[in-house]
Amino acid sequence: MSADFDIAIIGAGAMGATTALHLARGGMRVALIDRGEICREASGVNAGTLTLHMTRAALIPYAMKGRELWLTAEQWLGRDVGARSAPGFSLAFTEAEEEMLVKRAAARSAMGAPIRLISPAEACAIDPGINPAIRAAAFCALDGHVTAYLTGRAYRQALTAAGVTMVEKIPVSAIEQQGSGYLIHGTCGTRLSAKRIVLAGGVWLESMLAMLGLRAAVKCLINQLVITERMRPVMRSVVGIANGLLSLKQFENGSVLIGGGWQGRGDPIRGGVEPIPDNLIGNIRLARHAIPALGETRVVRIWLGLESETADAMPMIGPLPGMEGAYVIGCVHSGYTSAPYMGQLLAELILGGEPEMPLFDPARLIENTASSVRTVA
């Protein structure tokens, strides 16, 4: 059977959608498949933070490239995604946090991040909303944020213009090797074939890999997020804390988004099911401690977003071991910042080029159990 598509990308988050976009612009016939809608799972409900403070040190060069892509989204996506540059802080309130702050700042600075340690007085001069009780702060001029729910519209417009076939609200139930390509089965009897495939399913990557007889552990984090009512300007920067348990930003309309990876209940099958009240309260209290003026406002809405992580907390990006024409991309810790750049790199590889930066070989994490995978002649 001849392939319907040159390549099929399974998973339409920011990484999968970016990969699809560049492949289509490179001349390939591309299908983009998702269990939901374009950029409406993890990529549409995360905090949208563009930060170098919480990026793994080894990923700093990738995050800096990704940040620039988000800030110039109108040029390559054709639509504004609410990306804004802002200074960023990582704060320390305790001695242990200060020690962590110093180590983290040094590691990231060594990889090229313009992060420097500053005094509490200097931090409060830059952003008077910060609690003056801090022990220390790390400052980075290259932080910012994206309005995550706007990204789906922008990608949809760009993907449509590039000729990508979007198959939405169709969970993939099986993947079969078909001669020199792959046959993808979706629910409701949907089937399509492609010469090559990219697995870009985030927290669903473990089950997708199993369809190909591959095994890799993928951790699913159920992150809680909070949005406040609109209020007067109370902060000028993106604010986090050294231990990673806080993410704060105020949008132009006055609403403040509170995150930090405090966990709720859920799993990859059901998604985010319900918040854990104690964790929710802890996150809000920490936010108010960092920016005291938040005590003036009230919570409007809470929601849950999923995040994936590998055993070594580093990405899987590249060819799948022992599988001709099969690739994977995902599991980048705090990966929203670098997502568009990671997708661009994988597309460069698939199109036969040499990626600008090294990828992250999935083989280090994957066990092949391919005797169980089905094939069709």
Protein backbone atom coordinates (compact mmCIF):
# COMPACT_ATOMS: atom_id res chain seq x y z
CA MET A 1 0.00 0.00 0.00
CA SER A 2 1.42 3.42 -0.91
CA ALA A 3 1.62 5.95 1.89
CA ASP A 4 -1.04 8.62 2.20
CA PHE A 5 1.49 10.96 3.80
CA ASP A 6 5.22 11.44 3.83
CA ILE A 7 5.07 11.77 7.59
CA ALA A 8 2.53 11.70 10.42
CA ILE A 9 3.09 13.51 13.71
CA ILE A 10 1.11 12.10 16.63
CA GLY A 11 0.63 14.82 19.22
CA ALA A 12 -0.26 18.42 18.35
CA GLY A 13 1.30 20.32 21.22
CA ALA A 14 3.83 23.08 20.61
CA MET A 15 6.65 20.63 19.81
CA GLY A 16 4.63 18.41 17.50
CA ALA A 17 2.93 21.33 15.78
CA THR A 18 6.23 23.14 15.21
CA THR A 19 7.78 19.98 13.77
CA ALA A 20 4.78 19.53 11.46
CA LEU A 21 4.90 23.14 10.33
CA HIS A 22 8.57 23.09 9.34
CA LEU A 23 8.25 19.72 7.62
CA ALA A 24 5.32 20.97 5.56
CA ARG A 25 7.18 24.13 4.66
CA GLY A 26 10.06 21.87 3.65
CA GLY A 27 7.86 20.17 1.05
CA MET A 28 6.55 17.09 2.88
CA ARG A 29 2.95 15.84 2.92
CA VAL A 30 2.19 16.03 6.63
CA ALA A 31 -0.60 14.73 8.87
CA LEU A 32 -0.87 16.04 12.43
CA ILE A 33 -2.97 13.85 14.73
CA ASP A 34 -4.20 14.58 18.25
CA ARG A 35 -6.59 13.14 20.80
CA GLY A 36 -7.84 16.68 21.39
CA GLU A 37 -7.37 19.91 19.48
CA ILE A 38 -4.26 21.74 18.29
CA CYS A 39 -2.26 22.96 21.31
CA ARG A 40 -5.17 22.43 23.69
CA GLU A 41 -3.71 19.78 25.98
CA ALA A 42 -0.54 20.59 27.98
CA SER A 43 0.55 23.32 25.55
CA GLY A 44 -2.71 25.23 25.93
CA VAL A 45 -3.15 25.12 29.70
CA ASN A 46 0.34 25.66 31.11
CA ALA A 47 1.62 28.81 32.80
CA GLY A 48 3.27 30.07 29.60
CA THR A 49 6.41 31.10 31.46
CA LEU A 50 9.48 31.89 29.37
CA THR A 51 12.19 31.43 31.96
CA LEU A 52 15.86 30.55 32.14
CA HIS A 53 15.84 30.28 35.94
CA MET A 54 13.98 26.95 36.00
CA THR A 55 15.46 25.54 32.79
CA ARG A 56 17.96 22.70 33.21
CA ALA A 57 21.47 24.11 32.81
CA ALA A 58 22.24 21.90 29.80
CA LEU A 59 19.10 23.19 28.05
CA ILE A 60 19.85 26.91 28.46
CA PRO A 61 21.08 27.42 24.85
CA TYR A 62 17.89 25.75 23.56
CA ALA A 63 15.66 27.82 25.84
CA MET A 64 17.27 31.07 24.73
CA LYS A 65 16.59 30.17 21.09
CA GLY A 66 13.04 29.10 21.91
CA ARG A 67 12.34 32.31 23.79
CA GLU A 68 13.32 34.35 20.74
CA LEU A 69 11.02 32.28 18.55
CA TRP A 70 8.07 32.91 20.88
CA LEU A 71 8.79 36.64 20.93
CA THR A 72 8.88 36.71 17.11
CA ALA A 73 5.89 34.38 16.65
CA GLU A 74 4.08 36.87 14.41
CA GLN A 75 6.88 36.51 11.87
CA TRP A 76 6.85 32.70 11.57
CA LEU A 77 3.36 31.80 12.84
CA GLY A 78 1.63 34.85 11.39
CA ARG A 79 -0.23 35.68 14.59
CA ASP A 80 0.45 37.20 18.00
CA VAL A 81 0.52 34.71 20.89
CA GLY A 82 0.78 37.29 23.64
CA ALA A 83 4.52 36.77 24.04
CA ARG A 84 6.08 39.48 26.16
CA SER A 85 9.63 40.02 27.34
CA ALA A 86 10.01 40.77 31.04
CA PRO A 87 12.74 40.66 33.67
CA GLY A 88 12.72 37.54 35.80
CA PHE A 89 13.60 36.78 39.40
CA SER A 90 14.30 33.65 41.37
CA LEU A 91 13.97 34.45 45.08
CA ALA A 92 15.39 32.91 48.24
CA PHE A 93 13.69 33.31 51.62
CA THR A 94 15.69 30.75 53.63
CA GLU A 95 19.35 29.84 54.00
CA ALA A 96 18.79 26.55 52.17
CA GLU A 97 17.06 28.36 49.30
CA GLU A 98 19.90 30.86 49.12
CA GLU A 99 22.46 28.06 48.79
CA MET A 100 20.33 26.49 46.05
CA LEU A 101 19.98 29.86 44.33
CA VAL A 102 23.74 30.40 44.22
CA LYS A 103 24.39 26.94 42.74
CA ARG A 104 21.59 27.17 40.19
CA ALA A 105 22.57 30.66 39.05
CA ALA A 106 26.22 29.64 38.61
CA ALA A 107 25.33 26.53 36.59
CA ARG A 108 22.99 28.42 34.27
CA SER A 109 25.31 31.37 33.89
CA ALA A 110 28.08 28.98 32.83
CA MET A 111 25.80 27.79 30.00
CA GLY A 112 25.20 31.33 28.74
CA ALA A 113 22.17 32.55 30.69
CA PRO A 114 22.55 36.22 31.71
CA ILE A 115 21.66 35.44 35.33
CA ARG A 116 23.32 37.33 38.17
CA LEU A 117 22.91 37.41 41.93
CA ILE A 118 21.65 40.68 43.38
CA SER A 119 20.88 42.02 46.83
CA PRO A 120 17.38 42.25 48.31
CA ALA A 121 17.56 46.04 48.03
CA GLU A 122 18.45 45.89 44.34
CA ALA A 123 15.69 43.36 43.66
CA CYS A 124 13.08 45.57 45.33
CA ALA A 125 14.35 48.60 43.42
CA ILE A 126 13.77 46.76 40.13
CA ASP A 127 10.39 45.39 41.24
CA PRO A 128 8.95 47.13 44.32
CA GLY A 129 6.24 44.48 44.59
CA ILE A 130 8.72 41.88 45.85
CA ASN A 131 8.72 41.09 49.56
CA PRO A 132 11.73 42.92 51.08
CA ALA A 133 12.18 40.00 53.51
CA ILE A 134 14.03 37.96 50.86
CA ARG A 135 17.59 36.83 51.67
CA ALA A 136 18.81 36.97 48.07
CA ALA A 137 17.65 37.05 44.46
CA ALA A 138 18.89 35.94 41.06
CA PHE A 139 18.01 38.30 38.22
CA CYS A 140 17.67 37.63 34.49
CA ALA A 141 16.71 40.28 31.96
CA LEU A 142 15.70 37.60 29.43
CA ASP A 143 12.52 36.14 30.91
CA GLY A 144 8.94 36.68 29.85
CA HIS A 145 5.68 34.89 29.18
CA VAL A 146 3.28 33.67 26.50
CA THR A 147 -0.52 33.56 26.68
CA ALA A 148 -0.71 29.80 26.27
CA TYR A 149 -4.35 29.59 25.17
CA LEU A 150 -3.60 31.79 22.15
CA THR A 151 -1.00 29.45 20.68
CA GLY A 152 -3.51 26.97 19.27
CA ARG A 153 -5.13 29.61 17.05
CA ALA A 154 -1.76 30.76 15.75
CA TYR A 155 -0.54 27.26 14.98
CA ARG A 156 -3.84 26.31 13.32
CA GLN A 157 -3.61 29.27 10.97
CA ALA A 158 0.02 28.55 10.08
CA LEU A 159 -0.49 24.79 9.68
CA THR A 160 -3.49 25.33 7.42
CA ALA A 161 -1.54 27.74 5.23
CA ALA A 162 1.32 25.22 5.00
CA GLY A 163 -1.04 22.45 3.84
CA VAL A 164 -0.87 20.23 6.93
CA THR A 165 -3.77 17.78 7.31
CA MET A 166 -5.03 18.09 10.89
CA VAL A 167 -6.79 15.08 12.38
CA GLU A 168 -8.27 16.20 15.70
CA LYS A 169 -10.25 14.59 18.51
CA ILE A 170 -9.08 11.14 17.34
CA PRO A 171 -7.02 9.22 19.92
CA VAL A 172 -4.52 6.82 18.33
CA SER A 173 -5.27 3.24 19.37
CA ALA A 174 -2.53 1.33 17.49
CA ILE A 175 0.49 1.81 15.25
CA GLU A 176 1.58 -0.95 12.86
CA GLN A 177 4.66 -1.26 10.74
CA GLN A 178 3.55 -1.42 7.13
CA GLY A 179 6.30 -2.39 4.72
CA SER A 180 8.64 0.59 4.76
CA GLY A 181 6.11 2.79 6.54
CA TYR A 182 3.47 2.85 9.25
CA LEU A 183 -0.28 2.35 9.53
CA ILE A 184 -1.91 4.43 12.26
CA HIS A 185 -5.25 3.38 13.73
CA GLY A 186 -7.49 5.90 15.44
CA THR A 187 -10.74 5.46 17.28
CA CYS A 188 -13.97 5.33 15.25
CA GLY A 189 -12.20 3.33 12.54
CA THR A 190 -9.90 6.13 11.39
CA ARG A 191 -6.78 4.88 9.58
CA LEU A 192 -3.97 6.61 7.75
CA SER A 193 -0.58 5.51 6.48
CA ALA A 194 2.69 7.38 6.40
CA LYS A 195 6.24 6.66 5.32
CA ARG A 196 7.55 8.10 8.57
CA ILE A 197 6.15 8.98 11.98
CA VAL A 198 6.96 11.30 14.88
CA LEU A 199 5.67 10.55 18.36
CA ALA A 200 5.07 13.88 20.10
CA GLY A 201 2.56 12.85 22.73
CA GLY A 202 3.99 14.29 25.95
CA VAL A 203 2.62 12.37 28.93
CA TRP A 204 1.14 9.84 26.48
CA LEU A 205 4.53 8.96 25.01
CA GLU A 206 4.96 5.89 27.19
CA SER A 207 1.81 4.28 25.79
CA MET A 208 2.65 5.40 22.23
CA LEU A 209 6.11 3.83 22.45
CA ALA A 210 4.52 0.61 23.68
CA MET A 211 2.54 0.44 20.43
CA LEU A 212 5.89 0.07 18.66
CA GLY A 213 7.23 -2.48 21.11
CA LEU A 214 9.38 0.07 22.92
CA ARG A 215 9.47 0.80 26.62
CA ALA A 216 10.43 4.02 28.41
CA ALA A 217 9.22 5.41 31.71
CA VAL A 218 7.47 8.78 31.40
CA LYS A 219 6.38 10.52 34.57
CA CYS A 220 3.10 12.45 34.48
CA LEU A 221 2.93 15.59 36.60
CA ILE A 222 -0.50 17.10 37.36
CA ASN A 223 0.29 20.78 37.83
CA GLN A 224 -2.25 23.10 39.46
CA LEU A 225 -2.68 26.67 38.17
CA VAL A 226 -4.54 29.65 39.60
CA ILE A 227 -5.71 32.90 37.99
CA THR A 228 -6.78 35.90 40.05
CA GLU A 229 -9.30 38.62 39.36
CA ARG A 230 -7.98 41.77 37.70
CA MET A 231 -6.18 44.12 40.03
CA ARG A 232 -3.89 47.14 40.03
CA PRO A 233 -0.30 46.58 38.87
CA VAL A 234 1.53 44.82 41.72
CA MET A 235 4.56 43.34 39.94
CA ARG A 236 6.78 44.22 36.99
CA SER A 237 8.55 40.91 36.51
CA VAL A 238 8.20 37.16 36.26
CA VAL A 239 8.83 35.80 39.76
CA GLY A 240 9.86 32.35 40.90
CA ILE A 241 11.52 30.81 43.92
CA ALA A 242 14.81 28.92 44.12
CA ASN A 243 13.19 25.54 44.84
CA GLY A 244 10.98 25.84 41.76
CA LEU A 245 7.68 25.82 43.67
CA LEU A 246 6.46 29.21 42.46
CA SER A 247 5.77 30.90 39.15
CA LEU A 248 4.14 34.34 39.13
CA LYS A 249 3.31 36.82 36.41
CA GLN A 250 0.81 39.66 35.95
CA PHE A 251 -0.82 40.12 32.55
CA GLU A 252 -1.68 43.40 30.89
CA ASN A 253 -5.33 43.07 31.96
CA GLY A 254 -4.30 42.93 35.64
CA SER A 255 -4.86 39.21 36.26
CA VAL A 256 -2.07 37.34 38.04
CA LEU A 257 -1.25 33.74 37.12
CA ILE A 258 0.04 31.56 39.96
CA GLY A 259 1.85 28.30 39.26
CA GLY A 260 4.81 26.34 40.49
CA GLY A 261 4.11 22.69 39.91
CA TRP A 262 2.05 22.03 43.04
CA GLN A 263 0.38 18.72 42.31
CA GLY A 264 -3.28 17.85 41.78
CA ARG A 265 -4.94 14.51 41.09
CA GLY A 266 -5.14 12.84 37.70
CA ASP A 267 -3.33 10.64 35.20
CA PRO A 268 -2.69 10.47 31.43
CA ILE A 269 -5.95 8.61 30.79
CA ARG A 270 -8.30 10.91 32.70
CA GLY A 271 -6.20 14.06 32.56
CA GLY A 272 -6.35 16.46 35.49
CA VAL A 273 -9.23 15.29 37.68
CA GLU A 274 -9.28 17.54 40.75
CA PRO A 275 -7.03 19.86 42.76
CA ILE A 276 -5.56 18.95 46.12
CA PRO A 277 -6.80 21.71 48.45
CA ASP A 278 -3.77 21.74 50.75
CA ASN A 279 -1.44 22.09 47.76
CA LEU A 280 -3.61 24.82 46.29
CA ILE A 281 -3.56 26.78 49.55
CA GLY A 282 0.19 26.27 49.92
CA ASN A 283 0.83 27.64 46.43
CA ILE A 284 -1.36 30.70 47.02
CA ARG A 285 0.24 31.43 50.40
CA LEU A 286 3.70 31.23 48.86
CA ALA A 287 2.62 33.60 46.07
CA ARG A 288 1.29 36.10 48.61
CA HIS A 289 4.51 35.82 50.62
CA ALA A 290 6.58 36.64 47.52
CA ILE A 291 4.29 39.50 46.38
CA PRO A 292 2.44 40.74 49.50
CA ALA A 293 -0.01 42.91 47.52
CA LEU A 294 -1.65 39.74 46.20
CA GLY A 295 -3.53 39.74 49.50
CA GLU A 296 -5.79 42.37 47.93
CA THR A 297 -7.19 40.06 45.25
CA ARG A 298 -9.26 36.89 44.98
CA VAL A 299 -9.01 33.67 43.02
CA VAL A 300 -11.22 33.53 39.92
CA ARG A 301 -10.42 30.10 38.53
CA ILE A 302 -8.17 27.08 38.97
CA TRP A 303 -7.28 24.34 36.51
CA LEU A 304 -4.88 21.45 36.02
CA GLY A 305 -2.26 20.92 33.33
CA LEU A 306 -0.16 17.86 32.54
CA GLU A 307 3.64 17.82 32.24
CA SER A 308 5.88 14.92 31.22
CA GLU A 309 9.31 14.04 32.52
CA THR A 310 11.81 11.28 31.75
CA ALA A 311 13.85 9.31 34.27
CA ASP A 312 16.83 11.66 33.85
CA ALA A 313 14.66 14.80 33.44
CA MET A 314 16.16 15.42 30.00
CA PRO A 315 14.35 15.37 26.63
CA MET A 316 13.86 12.53 24.19
CA ILE A 317 14.39 14.01 20.73
CA GLY A 318 15.61 12.03 17.75
CA PRO A 319 15.28 8.71 15.90
CA LEU A 320 13.76 5.76 17.73
CA PRO A 321 16.23 2.89 18.12
CA GLY A 322 15.69 0.00 15.72
CA MET A 323 12.72 1.70 14.00
CA GLU A 324 13.31 2.93 10.46
CA GLY A 325 11.67 6.30 9.83
CA ALA A 326 10.35 6.73 13.38
CA TYR A 327 11.17 9.65 15.68
CA VAL A 328 10.20 11.01 19.06
CA ILE A 329 10.11 14.49 20.58
CA GLY A 330 9.05 15.49 24.08
CA CYS A 331 9.51 15.31 27.83
CA VAL A 332 11.45 18.57 28.14
CA HIS A 333 11.33 19.66 31.79
CA SER A 334 9.91 23.22 31.91
CA GLY A 335 9.99 22.81 28.15
CA TYR A 336 7.48 25.40 26.96
CA THR A 337 10.25 27.98 26.55
CA SER A 338 12.31 25.80 24.22
CA ALA A 339 9.41 23.98 22.52
CA PRO A 340 9.40 25.77 19.13
CA TYR A 341 13.16 25.48 18.81
CA MET A 342 13.15 21.77 19.67
CA GLY A 343 10.53 21.18 16.97
CA GLN A 344 12.59 23.14 14.46
CA LEU A 345 15.69 21.05 15.24
CA LEU A 346 13.90 17.74 14.73
CA ALA A 347 12.41 18.98 11.45
CA GLU A 348 15.91 19.92 10.27
CA LEU A 349 17.09 16.36 10.94
CA ILE A 350 14.12 14.72 9.20
CA LEU A 351 14.53 16.96 6.15
CA GLY A 352 18.07 15.68 5.78
CA GLY A 353 19.94 18.60 7.29
CA GLU A 354 22.32 18.90 10.21
CA PRO A 355 20.53 20.34 13.27
CA GLU A 356 22.00 23.60 14.55
CA MET A 357 22.38 22.07 18.04
CA PRO A 358 22.67 18.45 19.19
CA LEU A 359 19.51 16.43 19.80
CA PHE A 360 18.86 14.12 22.77
CA ASP A 361 19.21 10.47 21.79
CA PRO A 362 16.12 8.55 22.96
CA ALA A 363 18.09 5.28 22.93
CA ARG A 364 19.59 6.09 26.34
CA LEU A 365 16.14 5.63 27.91
CA ILE A 366 14.36 3.14 25.66
CA GLU A 367 14.19 -0.64 25.96
CA ASN A 368 13.23 -2.51 22.81
CA THR A 369 10.55 -5.17 23.26
CA ALA A 370 9.69 -5.17 19.55
CA SER A 371 8.77 -8.86 19.43
CA SER A 372 5.29 -7.77 20.53
CA VAL A 373 4.73 -5.15 17.82
CA ARG A 374 2.38 -6.04 14.95
CA THR A 375 3.39 -5.70 11.32
CA VAL A 376 1.38 -5.84 8.12
CA ALA A 377 2.71 -6.78 4.69
